[in-house]
Amino acid sequence: MTKKSTSAKISADKKNKEVKPGAIEFDNQKVYLLEEGIELTKKLSKTKFDASVEAHFRLGIDAKKGDQQIRTAVSLPHGTGKTIKVAAFVSPEKEKEVKAAGADFVGSEDLIAEIKKTEKTDFQVAVAEPAMMRHLAKIAKILGTRGLMPSPKNETVTPNPAKAVEELKKGKISFKNDDTGNIHVIIGKVSFDDKKLIENFTVLIDTIKKVKPAKAKGVYIRNISISSSMGPGIKIVVPK
């Protein structure tokens, strides 16, 4: 190694570990154990609000191939700490039970007509009975472009919409890979104690392992990082 390259390496290493006075030291090249990473993520969060804690997975899948797409749902034992609004597209006979389960917007063709007219979707998740899907075609473009179209793959198209609404309100989330084969999921808030964040993360990664596409080759979970909202990414050891 030349003198110039040696100096460059020392400079880079110094930059990686350099911290300001009073700052919390961490090495952005180091791979931490989950417990260490959770602790660091919380300490490095400097927002005035209760920031979300996010888990990021780089997967060994070909995101361009349909048979390697990942889209599923998981019930986090401690929820995400976020309050979500749920719309339920159901037959009149089931409106009462989905309202009791906590649905924020409930209706059938009347709700569909309102969304078609106003194009307003003040909800984060939509649930539908199978029989309602043909009616949802009228607003498929509105829902689809906003990631709100119900789907059997994430269990939001179901003959038991009340149960689906109840689970969503308790912390069930849907997720899918992006165009680069990565997955990004909120696993809680900085205010959560470490144990809750660890348990949520464990359930999430177990789910990701279970839905590994049969045709995915090589290393499946290539790397993992966690971070708080606006916080630095902290590399985490990939569990075996």
C-alpha atoms as a PDB file:
ATOM      1  CA  MET A   1       0.000   0.000   0.000  1.00  0.00           C
ATOM      2  CA  THR A   2       1.412   3.393  -0.998  1.00  0.00           C
ATOM      3  CA  LYS A   3       1.984   6.217   1.456  1.00  0.00           C
ATOM      4  CA  LYS A   4      -0.825   8.171  -0.229  1.00  0.00           C
ATOM      5  CA  SER A   5      -3.383   5.332   0.006  1.00  0.00           C
ATOM      6  CA  THR A   6      -2.382   4.640   3.623  1.00  0.00           C
ATOM      7  CA  SER A   7      -2.998   8.299   4.508  1.00  0.00           C
ATOM      8  CA  ALA A   8      -6.372   8.187   2.726  1.00  0.00           C
ATOM      9  CA  LYS A   9      -7.411   5.089   4.690  1.00  0.00           C
ATOM     10  CA  ILE A  10      -6.409   6.664   8.015  1.00  0.00           C
ATOM     11  CA  SER A  11      -8.314   9.804   7.082  1.00  0.00           C
ATOM     12  CA  ALA A  12     -11.420   7.782   6.162  1.00  0.00           C
ATOM     13  CA  ASP A  13     -11.256   5.751   9.381  1.00  0.00           C
ATOM     14  CA  LYS A  14     -10.894   8.944  11.399  1.00  0.00           C
ATOM     15  CA  LYS A  15     -13.913  10.452   9.644  1.00  0.00           C
ATOM     16  CA  ASN A  16     -16.026   7.352  10.326  1.00  0.00           C
ATOM     17  CA  LYS A  17     -15.318   7.523  14.063  1.00  0.00           C
ATOM     18  CA  GLU A  18     -15.052  11.268  14.472  1.00  0.00           C
ATOM     19  CA  VAL A  19     -17.576  12.780  16.878  1.00  0.00           C
ATOM     20  CA  LYS A  20     -18.307  16.233  18.114  1.00  0.00           C
ATOM     21  CA  PRO A  21     -17.744  17.077  21.793  1.00  0.00           C
ATOM     22  CA  GLY A  22     -20.637  15.717  23.855  1.00  0.00           C
ATOM     23  CA  ALA A  23     -21.916  13.572  20.993  1.00  0.00           C
ATOM     24  CA  ILE A  24     -22.582   9.840  21.283  1.00  0.00           C
ATOM     25  CA  GLU A  25     -19.821   7.889  19.600  1.00  0.00           C
ATOM     26  CA  PHE A  26     -20.615   5.168  17.107  1.00  0.00           C
ATOM     27  CA  ASP A  27     -18.835   3.722  14.112  1.00  0.00           C
ATOM     28  CA  ASN A  28     -20.944   3.865  10.962  1.00  0.00           C
ATOM     29  CA  GLN A  29     -18.888   1.017   9.492  1.00  0.00           C
ATOM     30  CA  LYS A  30     -19.354  -1.327  12.452  1.00  0.00           C
ATOM     31  CA  VAL A  31     -22.030  -4.018  12.504  1.00  0.00           C
ATOM     32  CA  TYR A  32     -23.762  -4.049  15.897  1.00  0.00           C
ATOM     33  CA  LEU A  33     -25.745  -6.662  17.769  1.00  0.00           C
ATOM     34  CA  LEU A  34     -29.483  -5.934  17.736  1.00  0.00           C
ATOM     35  CA  GLU A  35     -29.565  -4.920  21.410  1.00  0.00           C
ATOM     36  CA  GLU A  36     -26.663  -2.495  20.892  1.00  0.00           C
ATOM     37  CA  GLY A  37     -28.229  -1.083  17.743  1.00  0.00           C
ATOM     38  CA  ILE A  38     -31.577  -0.438  19.417  1.00  0.00           C
ATOM     39  CA  GLU A  39     -29.857   1.344  22.291  1.00  0.00           C
ATOM     40  CA  LEU A  40     -27.778   3.491  19.923  1.00  0.00           C
ATOM     41  CA  THR A  41     -30.765   4.303  17.711  1.00  0.00           C
ATOM     42  CA  LYS A  42     -32.650   5.711  20.680  1.00  0.00           C
ATOM     43  CA  LYS A  43     -29.657   7.675  21.981  1.00  0.00           C
ATOM     44  CA  LEU A  44     -28.908   9.168  18.566  1.00  0.00           C
ATOM     45  CA  SER A  45     -32.465  10.380  17.997  1.00  0.00           C
ATOM     46  CA  LYS A  46     -32.422  14.163  18.408  1.00  0.00           C
ATOM     47  CA  THR A  47     -35.916  15.114  17.197  1.00  0.00           C
ATOM     48  CA  LYS A  48     -38.262  17.047  19.472  1.00  0.00           C
ATOM     49  CA  PHE A  49     -41.083  14.643  18.613  1.00  0.00           C
ATOM     50  CA  ASP A  50     -41.385  10.955  19.451  1.00  0.00           C
ATOM     51  CA  ALA A  51     -39.541   9.612  16.411  1.00  0.00           C
ATOM     52  CA  SER A  52     -40.364   6.321  14.731  1.00  0.00           C
ATOM     53  CA  VAL A  53     -37.828   3.506  14.741  1.00  0.00           C
ATOM     54  CA  GLU A  54     -37.388   1.972  11.293  1.00  0.00           C
ATOM     55  CA  ALA A  55     -35.872  -1.320  10.144  1.00  0.00           C
ATOM     56  CA  HIS A  56     -34.349  -1.542   6.663  1.00  0.00           C
ATOM     57  CA  PHE A  57     -33.557  -4.819   4.890  1.00  0.00           C
ATOM     58  CA  ARG A  58     -31.558  -5.273   1.681  1.00  0.00           C
ATOM     59  CA  LEU A  59     -32.688  -8.534   0.142  1.00  0.00           C
ATOM     60  CA  GLY A  60     -31.171 -10.822  -2.457  1.00  0.00           C
ATOM     61  CA  ILE A  61     -34.212 -10.822  -4.718  1.00  0.00           C
ATOM     62  CA  ASP A  62     -34.754  -9.706  -8.304  1.00  0.00           C
ATOM     63  CA  ALA A  63     -37.404  -7.034  -7.805  1.00  0.00           C
ATOM     64  CA  LYS A  64     -38.141  -7.011 -11.539  1.00  0.00           C
ATOM     65  CA  LYS A  65     -39.492 -10.563 -11.449  1.00  0.00           C
ATOM     66  CA  GLY A  66     -43.061 -11.106 -10.284  1.00  0.00           C
ATOM     67  CA  ASP A  67     -42.281 -14.441  -8.643  1.00  0.00           C
ATOM     68  CA  GLN A  68     -39.732 -12.765  -6.362  1.00  0.00           C
ATOM     69  CA  GLN A  69     -41.924  -9.910  -5.155  1.00  0.00           C
ATOM     70  CA  ILE A  70     -42.590  -9.731  -1.428  1.00  0.00           C
ATOM     71  CA  ARG A  71     -45.889  -8.384  -0.196  1.00  0.00           C
ATOM     72  CA  THR A  72     -47.306  -9.540   3.110  1.00  0.00           C
ATOM     73  CA  ALA A  73     -48.590  -8.484   6.522  1.00  0.00           C
ATOM     74  CA  VAL A  74     -47.482  -9.027  10.103  1.00  0.00           C
ATOM     75  CA  SER A  75     -48.975  -8.297  13.507  1.00  0.00           C
ATOM     76  CA  LEU A  76     -46.326  -6.603  15.624  1.00  0.00           C
ATOM     77  CA  PRO A  77     -46.863  -7.616  19.273  1.00  0.00           C
ATOM     78  CA  HIS A  78     -46.512  -4.016  20.477  1.00  0.00           C
ATOM     79  CA  GLY A  79     -47.795  -2.150  17.424  1.00  0.00           C
ATOM     80  CA  THR A  80     -45.956   0.712  15.748  1.00  0.00           C
ATOM     81  CA  GLY A  81     -47.029   3.483  18.101  1.00  0.00           C
ATOM     82  CA  LYS A  82     -48.832   5.164  15.212  1.00  0.00           C
ATOM     83  CA  THR A  83     -52.578   5.706  15.083  1.00  0.00           C
ATOM     84  CA  ILE A  84     -53.911   4.677  11.696  1.00  0.00           C
ATOM     85  CA  LYS A  85     -57.253   5.375  10.076  1.00  0.00           C
ATOM     86  CA  VAL A  86     -58.967   2.432   8.400  1.00  0.00           C
ATOM     87  CA  ALA A  87     -61.616   2.459   5.684  1.00  0.00           C
ATOM     88  CA  ALA A  88     -63.874  -0.588   5.376  1.00  0.00           C
ATOM     89  CA  PHE A  89     -65.751  -1.299   2.162  1.00  0.00           C
ATOM     90  CA  VAL A  90     -68.443  -3.732   3.250  1.00  0.00           C
ATOM     91  CA  SER A  91     -72.044  -4.739   2.657  1.00  0.00           C
ATOM     92  CA  PRO A  92     -74.678  -2.917   4.755  1.00  0.00           C
ATOM     93  CA  GLU A  93     -75.132  -6.011   6.928  1.00  0.00           C
ATOM     94  CA  LYS A  94     -71.539  -5.811   8.157  1.00  0.00           C
ATOM     95  CA  GLU A  95     -71.285  -2.059   8.694  1.00  0.00           C
ATOM     96  CA  LYS A  96     -72.194  -2.228  12.370  1.00  0.00           C
ATOM     97  CA  GLU A  97     -69.558  -4.834  13.268  1.00  0.00           C
ATOM     98  CA  VAL A  98     -66.709  -3.117  11.432  1.00  0.00           C
ATOM     99  CA  LYS A  99     -67.595   0.168  13.137  1.00  0.00           C
ATOM    100  CA  ALA A 100     -67.479  -1.633  16.479  1.00  0.00           C
ATOM    101  CA  ALA A 101     -64.064  -3.024  15.506  1.00  0.00           C
ATOM    102  CA  GLY A 102     -62.778   0.531  15.063  1.00  0.00           C
ATOM    103  CA  ALA A 103     -63.126   1.357  11.358  1.00  0.00           C
ATOM    104  CA  ASP A 104     -62.969   5.114  10.755  1.00  0.00           C
ATOM    105  CA  PHE A 105     -64.749   5.125   7.378  1.00  0.00           C
ATOM    106  CA  VAL A 106     -67.420   2.571   6.590  1.00  0.00           C
ATOM    107  CA  GLY A 107     -69.627   2.071   3.561  1.00  0.00           C
ATOM    108  CA  SER A 108     -70.181   0.309   0.285  1.00  0.00           C
ATOM    109  CA  GLU A 109     -71.106   1.944  -3.007  1.00  0.00           C
ATOM    110  CA  ASP A 110     -71.927   5.194  -1.210  1.00  0.00           C
ATOM    111  CA  LEU A 111     -68.387   5.472   0.179  1.00  0.00           C
ATOM    112  CA  ILE A 112     -66.955   4.549  -3.203  1.00  0.00           C
ATOM    113  CA  ALA A 113     -69.038   7.252  -4.902  1.00  0.00           C
ATOM    114  CA  GLU A 114     -67.868   9.855  -2.380  1.00  0.00           C
ATOM    115  CA  ILE A 115     -64.200   8.998  -2.951  1.00  0.00           C
ATOM    116  CA  LYS A 116     -64.699   9.056  -6.708  1.00  0.00           C
ATOM    117  CA  LYS A 117     -66.250  12.522  -6.482  1.00  0.00           C
ATOM    118  CA  THR A 118     -63.850  14.148  -4.005  1.00  0.00           C
ATOM    119  CA  GLU A 119     -60.722  11.995  -4.566  1.00  0.00           C
ATOM    120  CA  LYS A 120     -60.117  12.336  -0.832  1.00  0.00           C
ATOM    121  CA  THR A 121     -58.663   9.365   1.042  1.00  0.00           C
ATOM    122  CA  ASP A 122     -58.142  10.386   4.636  1.00  0.00           C
ATOM    123  CA  PHE A 123     -57.104   6.884   5.710  1.00  0.00           C
ATOM    124  CA  GLN A 124     -53.918   4.799   5.674  1.00  0.00           C
ATOM    125  CA  VAL A 125     -55.375   1.315   5.080  1.00  0.00           C
ATOM    126  CA  ALA A 126     -58.435  -0.009   3.269  1.00  0.00           C
ATOM    127  CA  VAL A 127     -60.212  -3.290   3.977  1.00  0.00           C
ATOM    128  CA  ALA A 128     -62.831  -4.870   1.727  1.00  0.00           C
ATOM    129  CA  GLU A 129     -65.080  -7.885   1.471  1.00  0.00           C
ATOM    130  CA  PRO A 130     -64.376  -9.979  -1.656  1.00  0.00           C
ATOM    131  CA  ALA A 131     -67.786  -9.055  -3.103  1.00  0.00           C
ATOM    132  CA  MET A 132     -66.898  -5.352  -2.927  1.00  0.00           C
ATOM    133  CA  MET A 133     -63.818  -5.623  -5.126  1.00  0.00           C
ATOM    134  CA  ARG A 134     -65.700  -5.298  -8.398  1.00  0.00           C
ATOM    135  CA  HIS A 135     -67.226  -2.029  -7.173  1.00  0.00           C
ATOM    136  CA  LEU A 136     -63.805  -0.740  -6.117  1.00  0.00           C
ATOM    137  CA  ALA A 137     -62.777  -0.843  -9.769  1.00  0.00           C
ATOM    138  CA  LYS A 138     -64.414   2.598 -10.045  1.00  0.00           C
ATOM    139  CA  ILE A 139     -61.763   4.098  -7.776  1.00  0.00           C
ATOM    140  CA  ALA A 140     -58.931   1.651  -8.427  1.00  0.00           C
ATOM    141  CA  LYS A 141     -56.762   4.356  -9.975  1.00  0.00           C
ATOM    142  CA  ILE A 142     -57.185   6.644  -6.955  1.00  0.00           C
ATOM    143  CA  LEU A 143     -56.498   3.897  -4.417  1.00  0.00           C
ATOM    144  CA  GLY A 144     -53.803   2.177  -6.442  1.00  0.00           C
ATOM    145  CA  THR A 145     -51.591   5.219  -6.983  1.00  0.00           C
ATOM    146  CA  ARG A 146     -51.719   5.897  -3.230  1.00  0.00           C
ATOM    147  CA  GLY A 147     -50.954   2.340  -2.173  1.00  0.00           C
ATOM    148  CA  LEU A 148     -54.409   1.893  -0.660  1.00  0.00           C
ATOM    149  CA  MET A 149     -55.948  -0.818  -2.849  1.00  0.00           C
ATOM    150  CA  PRO A 150     -57.039  -3.808  -0.714  1.00  0.00           C
ATOM    151  CA  SER A 151     -55.315  -7.075  -1.613  1.00  0.00           C
ATOM    152  CA  PRO A 152     -55.574 -10.722  -0.553  1.00  0.00           C
ATOM    153  CA  LYS A 153     -51.755 -10.784  -0.336  1.00  0.00           C
ATOM    154  CA  ASN A 154     -51.722  -8.494   2.693  1.00  0.00           C
ATOM    155  CA  GLU A 155     -55.002  -9.894   4.044  1.00  0.00           C
ATOM    156  CA  THR A 156     -57.026  -6.704   3.497  1.00  0.00           C
ATOM    157  CA  VAL A 157     -59.494  -8.495   1.222  1.00  0.00           C
ATOM    158  CA  THR A 158     -61.319 -10.846   3.551  1.00  0.00           C
ATOM    159  CA  PRO A 159     -64.769 -12.308   4.330  1.00  0.00           C
ATOM    160  CA  ASN A 160     -64.181 -11.249   7.942  1.00  0.00           C
ATOM    161  CA  PRO A 161     -63.504  -7.492   7.662  1.00  0.00           C
ATOM    162  CA  ALA A 162     -64.242  -6.798  11.341  1.00  0.00           C
ATOM    163  CA  LYS A 163     -61.368  -9.062  12.401  1.00  0.00           C
ATOM    164  CA  ALA A 164     -59.059  -7.414   9.854  1.00  0.00           C
ATOM    165  CA  VAL A 165     -59.931  -3.934  11.152  1.00  0.00           C
ATOM    166  CA  GLU A 166     -59.374  -4.994  14.762  1.00  0.00           C
ATOM    167  CA  GLU A 167     -55.944  -6.449  13.934  1.00  0.00           C
ATOM    168  CA  LEU A 168     -54.917  -3.337  12.015  1.00  0.00           C
ATOM    169  CA  LYS A 169     -55.888  -1.122  14.917  1.00  0.00           C
ATOM    170  CA  LYS A 170     -53.796  -3.291  17.255  1.00  0.00           C
ATOM    171  CA  GLY A 171     -50.662  -3.000  15.143  1.00  0.00           C
ATOM    172  CA  LYS A 172     -50.908  -5.252  12.111  1.00  0.00           C
ATOM    173  CA  ILE A 173     -48.976  -3.741   9.230  1.00  0.00           C
ATOM    174  CA  SER A 174     -48.510  -4.468   5.538  1.00  0.00           C
ATOM    175  CA  PHE A 175     -45.215  -4.139   3.722  1.00  0.00           C
ATOM    176  CA  LYS A 176     -43.632  -4.911   0.366  1.00  0.00           C
ATOM    177  CA  ASN A 177     -40.264  -4.613  -1.314  1.00  0.00           C
ATOM    178  CA  ASP A 178     -39.400  -1.486  -3.271  1.00  0.00           C
ATOM    179  CA  ASP A 179     -38.012  -1.372  -6.814  1.00  0.00           C
ATOM    180  CA  THR A 180     -34.497  -2.089  -5.571  1.00  0.00           C
ATOM    181  CA  GLY A 181     -35.442  -5.143  -3.522  1.00  0.00           C
ATOM    182  CA  ASN A 182     -35.348  -3.367  -0.169  1.00  0.00           C
ATOM    183  CA  ILE A 183     -37.935  -3.417   2.616  1.00  0.00           C
ATOM    184  CA  HIS A 184     -38.530  -0.548   5.027  1.00  0.00           C
ATOM    185  CA  VAL A 185     -40.776  -1.058   8.070  1.00  0.00           C
ATOM    186  CA  ILE A 186     -41.568   0.995  11.183  1.00  0.00           C
ATOM    187  CA  ILE A 187     -41.142  -1.191  14.271  1.00  0.00           C
ATOM    188  CA  GLY A 188     -42.124   1.293  16.980  1.00  0.00           C
ATOM    189  CA  LYS A 189     -41.219   4.591  18.579  1.00  0.00           C
ATOM    190  CA  VAL A 190     -38.131   5.889  20.363  1.00  0.00           C
ATOM    191  CA  SER A 191     -40.274   6.043  23.519  1.00  0.00           C
ATOM    192  CA  PHE A 192     -40.767   2.248  23.428  1.00  0.00           C
ATOM    193  CA  ASP A 193     -38.598   0.329  25.851  1.00  0.00           C
ATOM    194  CA  ASP A 194     -35.830  -1.756  24.283  1.00  0.00           C
ATOM    195  CA  LYS A 195     -37.596  -5.061  24.908  1.00  0.00           C
ATOM    196  CA  LYS A 196     -40.677  -4.039  22.909  1.00  0.00           C
ATOM    197  CA  LEU A 197     -38.598  -2.862  19.960  1.00  0.00           C
ATOM    198  CA  ILE A 198     -36.561  -6.076  20.017  1.00  0.00           C
ATOM    199  CA  GLU A 199     -39.702  -8.231  20.131  1.00  0.00           C
ATOM    200  CA  ASN A 200     -41.294  -6.292  17.257  1.00  0.00           C
ATOM    201  CA  PHE A 201     -38.108  -6.613  15.199  1.00  0.00           C
ATOM    202  CA  THR A 202     -37.879 -10.352  15.887  1.00  0.00           C
ATOM    203  CA  VAL A 203     -41.446 -10.990  14.721  1.00  0.00           C
ATOM    204  CA  LEU A 204     -40.809  -8.891  11.609  1.00  0.00           C
ATOM    205  CA  ILE A 205     -37.617 -10.660  10.547  1.00  0.00           C
ATOM    206  CA  ASP A 206     -39.177 -14.079  11.191  1.00  0.00           C
ATOM    207  CA  THR A 207     -41.988 -13.087   8.808  1.00  0.00           C
ATOM    208  CA  ILE A 208     -39.526 -11.892   6.151  1.00  0.00           C
ATOM    209  CA  LYS A 209     -37.695 -15.216   6.368  1.00  0.00           C
ATOM    210  CA  LYS A 210     -40.942 -17.173   5.989  1.00  0.00           C
ATOM    211  CA  VAL A 211     -41.936 -15.377   2.776  1.00  0.00           C
ATOM    212  CA  LYS A 212     -38.594 -15.907   1.032  1.00  0.00           C
ATOM    213  CA  PRO A 213     -39.383 -16.435  -2.669  1.00  0.00           C
ATOM    214  CA  ALA A 214     -38.581 -19.967  -3.820  1.00  0.00           C
ATOM    215  CA  LYS A 215     -36.648 -18.629  -6.815  1.00  0.00           C
ATOM    216  CA  ALA A 216     -34.495 -16.165  -4.856  1.00  0.00           C
ATOM    217  CA  LYS A 217     -30.861 -17.255  -5.220  1.00  0.00           C
ATOM    218  CA  GLY A 218     -27.814 -16.653  -3.064  1.00  0.00           C
ATOM    219  CA  VAL A 219     -27.867 -14.751   0.213  1.00  0.00           C
ATOM    220  CA  TYR A 220     -31.463 -13.749   0.994  1.00  0.00           C
ATOM    221  CA  ILE A 221     -31.045 -11.117   3.737  1.00  0.00           C
ATOM    222  CA  ARG A 222     -27.883  -9.292   2.698  1.00  0.00           C
ATOM    223  CA  ASN A 223     -27.830  -6.607   5.349  1.00  0.00           C
ATOM    224  CA  ILE A 224     -29.983  -4.862   7.929  1.00  0.00           C
ATOM    225  CA  SER A 225     -29.900  -1.406   9.422  1.00  0.00           C
ATOM    226  CA  ILE A 226     -32.111   0.419  11.885  1.00  0.00           C
ATOM    227  CA  SER A 227     -32.600   4.119  12.425  1.00  0.00           C
ATOM    228  CA  SER A 228     -34.862   6.672  14.001  1.00  0.00           C
ATOM    229  CA  SER A 229     -36.682   9.272  11.925  1.00  0.00           C
ATOM    230  CA  MET A 230     -33.959  11.615  10.612  1.00  0.00           C
ATOM    231  CA  GLY A 231     -31.343   9.604  12.533  1.00  0.00           C
ATOM    232  CA  PRO A 232     -28.280   7.780  11.144  1.00  0.00           C
ATOM    233  CA  GLY A 233     -28.503   4.196   9.934  1.00  0.00           C
ATOM    234  CA  ILE A 234     -26.936   1.633  12.241  1.00  0.00           C
ATOM    235  CA  LYS A 235     -25.856  -1.672  10.750  1.00  0.00           C
ATOM    236  CA  ILE A 236     -27.192  -4.762  12.503  1.00  0.00           C
ATOM    237  CA  VAL A 237     -25.910  -8.342  12.545  1.00  0.00           C
ATOM    238  CA  VAL A 238     -28.128 -10.512  10.344  1.00  0.00           C
ATOM    239  CA  PRO A 239     -29.576 -13.265  12.581  1.00  0.00           C
ATOM    240  CA  LYS A 240     -29.019 -16.836  11.332  1.00  0.00           C
END
